[in-house]
Amino acid sequence: MGMKRLCIYPKEVAIIIGKSQTTAQTLVRTIKDVYEKEKHQALTIREFCDYMGLDYKEVFNMVNGIKTTNDKKSA
């Protein structure tokens, strides 16, 4: 198993929240402002989840392409 990513980007945020990439970019900027991050600093999956009230493990697995039992289709 390779390294796992800890950061999340607007493209993934757009998919998770079901909104446009522009809306996701605005949201990422807002969250970074709340956490007083500078422009060059990345948004972590944990910060995104805490702000949005989402389950960290679920989002972490989604971003890193880890299949969970919930992802398996029933036959």
PDB file of N, CA and C in Angstrom:
ATOM      1  N   MET A   1       0.850  -1.186   0.000  1.00  0.00           N
ATOM      2  CA  MET A   1       0.000   0.000   0.000  1.00  0.00           C
ATOM      3  C   MET A   1       0.894   1.246   0.000  1.00  0.00           C
ATOM      4  N   GLY A   2       0.623   2.160  -0.899  1.00  0.00           N
ATOM      5  CA  GLY A   2       1.436   3.371  -1.017  1.00  0.00           C
ATOM      6  C   GLY A   2       0.996   4.458  -0.047  1.00  0.00           C
ATOM      7  N   MET A   3       1.629   5.604  -0.226  1.00  0.00           N
ATOM      8  CA  MET A   3       1.296   6.772   0.604  1.00  0.00           C
ATOM      9  C   MET A   3      -0.128   7.226   0.326  1.00  0.00           C
ATOM     10  N   LYS A   4      -0.789   7.719   1.346  1.00  0.00           N
ATOM     11  CA  LYS A   4      -2.150   8.233   1.204  1.00  0.00           C
ATOM     12  C   LYS A   4      -2.118   9.750   1.296  1.00  0.00           C
ATOM     13  N   ARG A   5      -2.978  10.391   0.522  1.00  0.00           N
ATOM     14  CA  ARG A   5      -3.051  11.849   0.536  1.00  0.00           C
ATOM     15  C   ARG A   5      -3.813  12.339   1.753  1.00  0.00           C
ATOM     16  N   LEU A   6      -3.354  13.450   2.294  1.00  0.00           N
ATOM     17  CA  LEU A   6      -4.004  14.059   3.452  1.00  0.00           C
ATOM     18  C   LEU A   6      -4.760  15.327   3.071  1.00  0.00           C
ATOM     19  N   CYS A   7      -4.535  15.812   1.849  1.00  0.00           N
ATOM     20  CA  CYS A   7      -5.129  17.077   1.423  1.00  0.00           C
ATOM     21  C   CYS A   7      -6.248  16.842   0.406  1.00  0.00           C
ATOM     22  N   ILE A   8      -7.123  17.818   0.323  1.00  0.00           N
ATOM     23  CA  ILE A   8      -8.257  17.735  -0.598  1.00  0.00           C
ATOM     24  C   ILE A   8      -8.251  18.986  -1.471  1.00  0.00           C
ATOM     25  N   TYR A   9      -8.664  18.826  -2.702  1.00  0.00           N
ATOM     26  CA  TYR A   9      -8.621  19.905  -3.681  1.00  0.00           C
ATOM     27  C   TYR A   9     -10.023  20.219  -4.198  1.00  0.00           C
ATOM     28  N   PRO A  10     -10.203  21.419  -4.757  1.00  0.00           N
ATOM     29  CA  PRO A  10     -11.539  21.855  -5.195  1.00  0.00           C
ATOM     30  C   PRO A  10     -12.267  20.869  -6.113  1.00  0.00           C
ATOM     31  N   LYS A  11     -11.540  20.201  -6.990  1.00  0.00           N
ATOM     32  CA  LYS A  11     -12.186  19.246  -7.904  1.00  0.00           C
ATOM     33  C   LYS A  11     -12.885  18.132  -7.113  1.00  0.00           C
ATOM     34  N   GLU A  12     -12.216  17.641  -6.068  1.00  0.00           N
ATOM     35  CA  GLU A  12     -12.808  16.586  -5.230  1.00  0.00           C
ATOM     36  C   GLU A  12     -13.936  17.147  -4.367  1.00  0.00           C
ATOM     37  N   VAL A  13     -13.744  18.354  -3.861  1.00  0.00           N
ATOM     38  CA  VAL A  13     -14.798  19.002  -3.067  1.00  0.00           C
ATOM     39  C   VAL A  13     -16.065  19.136  -3.914  1.00  0.00           C
ATOM     40  N   ALA A  14     -15.905  19.529  -5.186  1.00  0.00           N
ATOM     41  CA  ALA A  14     -17.051  19.684  -6.088  1.00  0.00           C
ATOM     42  C   ALA A  14     -17.824  18.375  -6.221  1.00  0.00           C
ATOM     43  N   ILE A  15     -17.106  17.277  -6.354  1.00  0.00           N
ATOM     44  CA  ILE A  15     -17.746  15.962  -6.497  1.00  0.00           C
ATOM     45  C   ILE A  15     -18.470  15.588  -5.198  1.00  0.00           C
ATOM     46  N   ILE A  16     -17.813  15.799  -4.065  1.00  0.00           N
ATOM     47  CA  ILE A  16     -18.380  15.414  -2.768  1.00  0.00           C
ATOM     48  C   ILE A  16     -19.639  16.209  -2.445  1.00  0.00           C
ATOM     49  N   ILE A  17     -19.615  17.523  -2.704  1.00  0.00           N
ATOM     50  CA  ILE A  17     -20.777  18.344  -2.351  1.00  0.00           C
ATOM     51  C   ILE A  17     -21.784  18.457  -3.492  1.00  0.00           C
ATOM     52  N   GLY A  18     -21.431  17.948  -4.667  1.00  0.00           N
ATOM     53  CA  GLY A  18     -22.355  17.961  -5.798  1.00  0.00           C
ATOM     54  C   GLY A  18     -22.605  19.352  -6.356  1.00  0.00           C
ATOM     55  N   LYS A  19     -21.577  20.179  -6.329  1.00  0.00           N
ATOM     56  CA  LYS A  19     -21.687  21.553  -6.841  1.00  0.00           C
ATOM     57  C   LYS A  19     -20.628  21.781  -7.908  1.00  0.00           C
ATOM     58  N   SER A  20     -20.660  22.959  -8.514  1.00  0.00           N
ATOM     59  CA  SER A  20     -19.692  23.293  -9.556  1.00  0.00           C
ATOM     60  C   SER A  20     -18.298  23.463  -8.964  1.00  0.00           C
ATOM     61  N   GLN A  21     -17.304  23.407  -9.832  1.00  0.00           N
ATOM     62  CA  GLN A  21     -15.927  23.600  -9.388  1.00  0.00           C
ATOM     63  C   GLN A  21     -15.721  25.026  -8.851  1.00  0.00           C
ATOM     64  N   THR A  22     -16.406  25.995  -9.453  1.00  0.00           N
ATOM     65  CA  THR A  22     -16.302  27.380  -8.981  1.00  0.00           C
ATOM     66  C   THR A  22     -16.827  27.504  -7.550  1.00  0.00           C
ATOM     67  N   THR A  23     -17.974  26.888  -7.289  1.00  0.00           N
ATOM     68  CA  THR A  23     -18.541  26.892  -5.939  1.00  0.00           C
ATOM     69  C   THR A  23     -17.592  26.196  -4.968  1.00  0.00           C
ATOM     70  N   ALA A  24     -17.002  25.092  -5.399  1.00  0.00           N
ATOM     71  CA  ALA A  24     -16.057  24.350  -4.562  1.00  0.00           C
ATOM     72  C   ALA A  24     -14.819  25.188  -4.255  1.00  0.00           C
ATOM     73  N   GLN A  25     -14.329  25.931  -5.249  1.00  0.00           N
ATOM     74  CA  GLN A  25     -13.154  26.789  -5.028  1.00  0.00           C
ATOM     75  C   GLN A  25     -13.464  27.865  -3.994  1.00  0.00           C
ATOM     76  N   THR A  26     -14.653  28.435  -4.073  1.00  0.00           N
ATOM     77  CA  THR A  26     -15.075  29.448  -3.099  1.00  0.00           C
ATOM     78  C   THR A  26     -15.157  28.834  -1.707  1.00  0.00           C
ATOM     79  N   LEU A  27     -15.717  27.637  -1.611  1.00  0.00           N
ATOM     80  CA  LEU A  27     -15.830  26.952  -0.325  1.00  0.00           C
ATOM     81  C   LEU A  27     -14.452  26.659   0.262  1.00  0.00           C
ATOM     82  N   VAL A  28     -13.535  26.183  -0.571  1.00  0.00           N
ATOM     83  CA  VAL A  28     -12.177  25.892  -0.110  1.00  0.00           C
ATOM     84  C   VAL A  28     -11.524  27.165   0.426  1.00  0.00           C
ATOM     85  N   ARG A  29     -11.697  28.270  -0.274  1.00  0.00           N
ATOM     86  CA  ARG A  29     -11.151  29.557   0.179  1.00  0.00           C
ATOM     87  C   ARG A  29     -11.742  29.951   1.532  1.00  0.00           C
ATOM     88  N   THR A  30     -13.062  29.774   1.667  1.00  0.00           N
ATOM     89  CA  THR A  30     -13.752  30.100   2.914  1.00  0.00           C
ATOM     90  C   THR A  30     -13.205  29.265   4.070  1.00  0.00           C
ATOM     91  N   ILE A  31     -13.068  27.964   3.860  1.00  0.00           N
ATOM     92  CA  ILE A  31     -12.576  27.077   4.916  1.00  0.00           C
ATOM     93  C   ILE A  31     -11.133  27.444   5.279  1.00  0.00           C
ATOM     94  N   LYS A  32     -10.312  27.744   4.270  1.00  0.00           N
ATOM     95  CA  LYS A  32      -8.932  28.133   4.542  1.00  0.00           C
ATOM     96  C   LYS A  32      -8.882  29.435   5.339  1.00  0.00           C
ATOM     97  N   ASP A  33      -9.808  30.342   5.065  1.00  0.00           N
ATOM     98  CA  ASP A  33      -9.892  31.587   5.835  1.00  0.00           C
ATOM     99  C   ASP A  33     -10.233  31.294   7.298  1.00  0.00           C
ATOM    100  N   VAL A  34     -11.191  30.396   7.499  1.00  0.00           N
ATOM    101  CA  VAL A  34     -11.611  30.036   8.855  1.00  0.00           C
ATOM    102  C   VAL A  34     -10.419  29.466   9.644  1.00  0.00           C
ATOM    103  N   TYR A  35      -9.607  28.654   8.976  1.00  0.00           N
ATOM    104  CA  TYR A  35      -8.447  28.040   9.631  1.00  0.00           C
ATOM    105  C   TYR A  35      -7.195  28.924   9.541  1.00  0.00           C
ATOM    106  N   GLU A  36      -7.372  30.153   9.064  1.00  0.00           N
ATOM    107  CA  GLU A  36      -6.292  31.135   8.946  1.00  0.00           C
ATOM    108  C   GLU A  36      -5.081  30.591   8.206  1.00  0.00           C
ATOM    109  N   LYS A  37      -5.355  29.919   7.085  1.00  0.00           N
ATOM    110  CA  LYS A  37      -4.281  29.376   6.260  1.00  0.00           C
ATOM    111  C   LYS A  37      -3.886  30.407   5.210  1.00  0.00           C
ATOM    112  N   GLU A  38      -2.629  30.377   4.837  1.00  0.00           N
ATOM    113  CA  GLU A  38      -2.154  31.252   3.778  1.00  0.00           C
ATOM    114  C   GLU A  38      -2.464  30.609   2.434  1.00  0.00           C
ATOM    115  N   LYS A  39      -2.369  31.417   1.368  1.00  0.00           N
ATOM    116  CA  LYS A  39      -2.755  30.966   0.030  1.00  0.00           C
ATOM    117  C   LYS A  39      -2.020  29.693  -0.397  1.00  0.00           C
ATOM    118  N   HIS A  40      -0.743  29.600  -0.050  1.00  0.00           N
ATOM    119  CA  HIS A  40       0.064  28.453  -0.484  1.00  0.00           C
ATOM    120  C   HIS A  40      -0.171  27.196   0.348  1.00  0.00           C
ATOM    121  N   GLN A  41      -0.910  27.315   1.440  1.00  0.00           N
ATOM    122  CA  GLN A  41      -1.140  26.165   2.316  1.00  0.00           C
ATOM    123  C   GLN A  41      -2.351  25.365   1.847  1.00  0.00           C
ATOM    124  N   ALA A  42      -2.198  24.048   1.873  1.00  0.00           N
ATOM    125  CA  ALA A  42      -3.253  23.146   1.409  1.00  0.00           C
ATOM    126  C   ALA A  42      -4.320  22.936   2.484  1.00  0.00           C
ATOM    127  N   LEU A  43      -5.511  22.595   2.038  1.00  0.00           N
ATOM    128  CA  LEU A  43      -6.614  22.246   2.936  1.00  0.00           C
ATOM    129  C   LEU A  43      -6.562  20.747   3.185  1.00  0.00           C
ATOM    130  N   THR A  44      -6.581  20.357   4.452  1.00  0.00           N
ATOM    131  CA  THR A  44      -6.550  18.925   4.746  1.00  0.00           C
ATOM    132  C   THR A  44      -7.956  18.343   4.684  1.00  0.00           C
ATOM    133  N   ILE A  45      -8.003  17.057   4.486  1.00  0.00           N
ATOM    134  CA  ILE A  45      -9.276  16.338   4.476  1.00  0.00           C
ATOM    135  C   ILE A  45      -9.962  16.514   5.834  1.00  0.00           C
ATOM    136  N   ARG A  46      -9.169  16.461   6.911  1.00  0.00           N
ATOM    137  CA  ARG A  46      -9.717  16.604   8.267  1.00  0.00           C
ATOM    138  C   ARG A  46     -10.378  17.975   8.449  1.00  0.00           C
ATOM    139  N   GLU A  47      -9.715  19.046   8.000  1.00  0.00           N
ATOM    140  CA  GLU A  47     -10.274  20.397   8.123  1.00  0.00           C
ATOM    141  C   GLU A  47     -11.572  20.519   7.323  1.00  0.00           C
ATOM    142  N   PHE A  48     -11.564  19.975   6.107  1.00  0.00           N
ATOM    143  CA  PHE A  48     -12.767  19.998   5.264  1.00  0.00           C
ATOM    144  C   PHE A  48     -13.919  19.276   5.960  1.00  0.00           C
ATOM    145  N   CYS A  49     -13.644  18.087   6.483  1.00  0.00           N
ATOM    146  CA  CYS A  49     -14.685  17.284   7.136  1.00  0.00           C
ATOM    147  C   CYS A  49     -15.209  17.963   8.395  1.00  0.00           C
ATOM    148  N   ASP A  50     -14.305  18.518   9.199  1.00  0.00           N
ATOM    149  CA  ASP A  50     -14.726  19.209  10.426  1.00  0.00           C
ATOM    150  C   ASP A  50     -15.639  20.374  10.083  1.00  0.00           C
ATOM    151  N   TYR A  51     -15.270  21.146   9.076  1.00  0.00           N
ATOM    152  CA  TYR A  51     -16.054  22.326   8.685  1.00  0.00           C
ATOM    153  C   TYR A  51     -17.425  21.926   8.137  1.00  0.00           C
ATOM    154  N   MET A  52     -17.451  20.882   7.321  1.00  0.00           N
ATOM    155  CA  MET A  52     -18.684  20.473   6.647  1.00  0.00           C
ATOM    156  C   MET A  52     -19.520  19.481   7.457  1.00  0.00           C
ATOM    157  N   GLY A  53     -18.969  18.969   8.550  1.00  0.00           N
ATOM    158  CA  GLY A  53     -19.699  17.987   9.356  1.00  0.00           C
ATOM    159  C   GLY A  53     -19.799  16.641   8.678  1.00  0.00           C
ATOM    160  N   LEU A  54     -18.742  16.258   7.961  1.00  0.00           N
ATOM    161  CA  LEU A  54     -18.735  14.982   7.244  1.00  0.00           C
ATOM    162  C   LEU A  54     -17.842  13.985   7.964  1.00  0.00           C
ATOM    163  N   ASP A  55     -18.078  12.695   7.693  1.00  0.00           N
ATOM    164  CA  ASP A  55     -17.291  11.636   8.304  1.00  0.00           C
ATOM    165  C   ASP A  55     -15.897  11.588   7.674  1.00  0.00           C
ATOM    166  N   TYR A  56     -14.868  11.780   8.506  1.00  0.00           N
ATOM    167  CA  TYR A  56     -13.489  11.837   8.018  1.00  0.00           C
ATOM    168  C   TYR A  56     -13.087  10.568   7.280  1.00  0.00           C
ATOM    169  N   LYS A  57     -13.336   9.426   7.872  1.00  0.00           N
ATOM    170  CA  LYS A  57     -12.890   8.160   7.281  1.00  0.00           C
ATOM    171  C   LYS A  57     -13.528   7.938   5.903  1.00  0.00           C
ATOM    172  N   GLU A  58     -14.794   8.265   5.796  1.00  0.00           N
ATOM    173  CA  GLU A  58     -15.504   8.098   4.527  1.00  0.00           C
ATOM    174  C   GLU A  58     -14.892   8.983   3.432  1.00  0.00           C
ATOM    175  N   VAL A  59     -14.647  10.253   3.754  1.00  0.00           N
ATOM    176  CA  VAL A  59     -14.077  11.181   2.774  1.00  0.00           C
ATOM    177  C   VAL A  59     -12.628  10.812   2.469  1.00  0.00           C
ATOM    178  N   PHE A  60     -11.850  10.452   3.496  1.00  0.00           N
ATOM    179  CA  PHE A  60     -10.457  10.034   3.306  1.00  0.00           C
ATOM    180  C   PHE A  60     -10.394   8.860   2.329  1.00  0.00           C
ATOM    181  N   ASN A  61     -11.248   7.865   2.545  1.00  0.00           N
ATOM    182  CA  ASN A  61     -11.266   6.692   1.671  1.00  0.00           C
ATOM    183  C   ASN A  61     -11.667   7.067   0.249  1.00  0.00           C
ATOM    184  N   MET A  62     -12.630   7.981   0.109  1.00  0.00           N
ATOM    185  CA  MET A  62     -13.081   8.412  -1.207  1.00  0.00           C
ATOM    186  C   MET A  62     -11.955   9.114  -1.967  1.00  0.00           C
ATOM    187  N   VAL A  63     -11.283  10.048  -1.296  1.00  0.00           N
ATOM    188  CA  VAL A  63     -10.200  10.810  -1.921  1.00  0.00           C
ATOM    189  C   VAL A  63      -9.046   9.892  -2.316  1.00  0.00           C
ATOM    190  N   ASN A  64      -8.778   8.900  -1.499  1.00  0.00           N
ATOM    191  CA  ASN A  64      -7.651   8.000  -1.745  1.00  0.00           C
ATOM    192  C   ASN A  64      -8.031   6.748  -2.535  1.00  0.00           C
ATOM    193  N   GLY A  65      -9.279   6.663  -2.984  1.00  0.00           N
ATOM    194  CA  GLY A  65      -9.709   5.528  -3.807  1.00  0.00           C
ATOM    195  C   GLY A  65      -9.723   4.206  -3.074  1.00  0.00           C
ATOM    196  N   ILE A  66     -10.004   4.260  -1.787  1.00  0.00           N
ATOM    197  CA  ILE A  66     -10.057   3.033  -0.984  1.00  0.00           C
ATOM    198  C   ILE A  66     -11.495   2.536  -0.968  1.00  0.00           C
ATOM    199  N   LYS A  67     -11.684   1.318  -1.410  1.00  0.00           N
ATOM    200  CA  LYS A  67     -13.027   0.725  -1.424  1.00  0.00           C
ATOM    201  C   LYS A  67     -13.413   0.291  -0.016  1.00  0.00           C
ATOM    202  N   THR A  68     -14.659   0.579   0.343  1.00  0.00           N
ATOM    203  CA  THR A  68     -15.174   0.149   1.647  1.00  0.00           C
ATOM    204  C   THR A  68     -16.321  -0.814   1.409  1.00  0.00           C
ATOM    205  N   THR A  69     -16.806  -1.434   2.469  1.00  0.00           N
ATOM    206  CA  THR A  69     -17.912  -2.379   2.330  1.00  0.00           C
ATOM    207  C   THR A  69     -19.164  -1.686   1.787  1.00  0.00           C
ATOM    208  N   ASN A  70     -19.310  -0.388   2.056  1.00  0.00           N
ATOM    209  CA  ASN A  70     -20.468   0.351   1.542  1.00  0.00           C
ATOM    210  C   ASN A  70     -20.404   0.547   0.030  1.00  0.00           C
ATOM    211  N   ASP A  71     -19.183   0.447  -0.548  1.00  0.00           N
ATOM    212  CA  ASP A  71     -18.999   0.666  -1.980  1.00  0.00           C
ATOM    213  C   ASP A  71     -19.323  -0.559  -2.816  1.00  0.00           C
ATOM    214  N   LYS A  72     -19.323  -1.730  -2.187  1.00  0.00           N
ATOM    215  CA  LYS A  72     -19.530  -2.973  -2.934  1.00  0.00           C
ATOM    216  C   LYS A  72     -20.991  -3.080  -3.366  1.00  0.00           C
ATOM    217  N   LYS A  73     -21.162  -3.419  -4.631  1.00  0.00           N
ATOM    218  CA  LYS A  73     -22.529  -3.578  -5.171  1.00  0.00           C
ATOM    219  C   LYS A  73     -23.038  -4.964  -4.821  1.00  0.00           C
ATOM    220  N   SER A  74     -24.312  -5.029  -4.464  1.00  0.00           N
ATOM    221  CA  SER A  74     -24.895  -6.344  -4.168  1.00  0.00           C
ATOM    222  C   SER A  74     -25.236  -7.045  -5.473  1.00  0.00           C
ATOM    223  N   ALA A  75     -25.066  -8.348  -5.481  1.00  0.00           N
ATOM    224  CA  ALA A  75     -25.269  -9.137  -6.711  1.00  0.00           C
ATOM    225  C   ALA A  75     -26.716  -9.424  -6.990  1.00  0.00           C
TER     226      ALA A  75
END
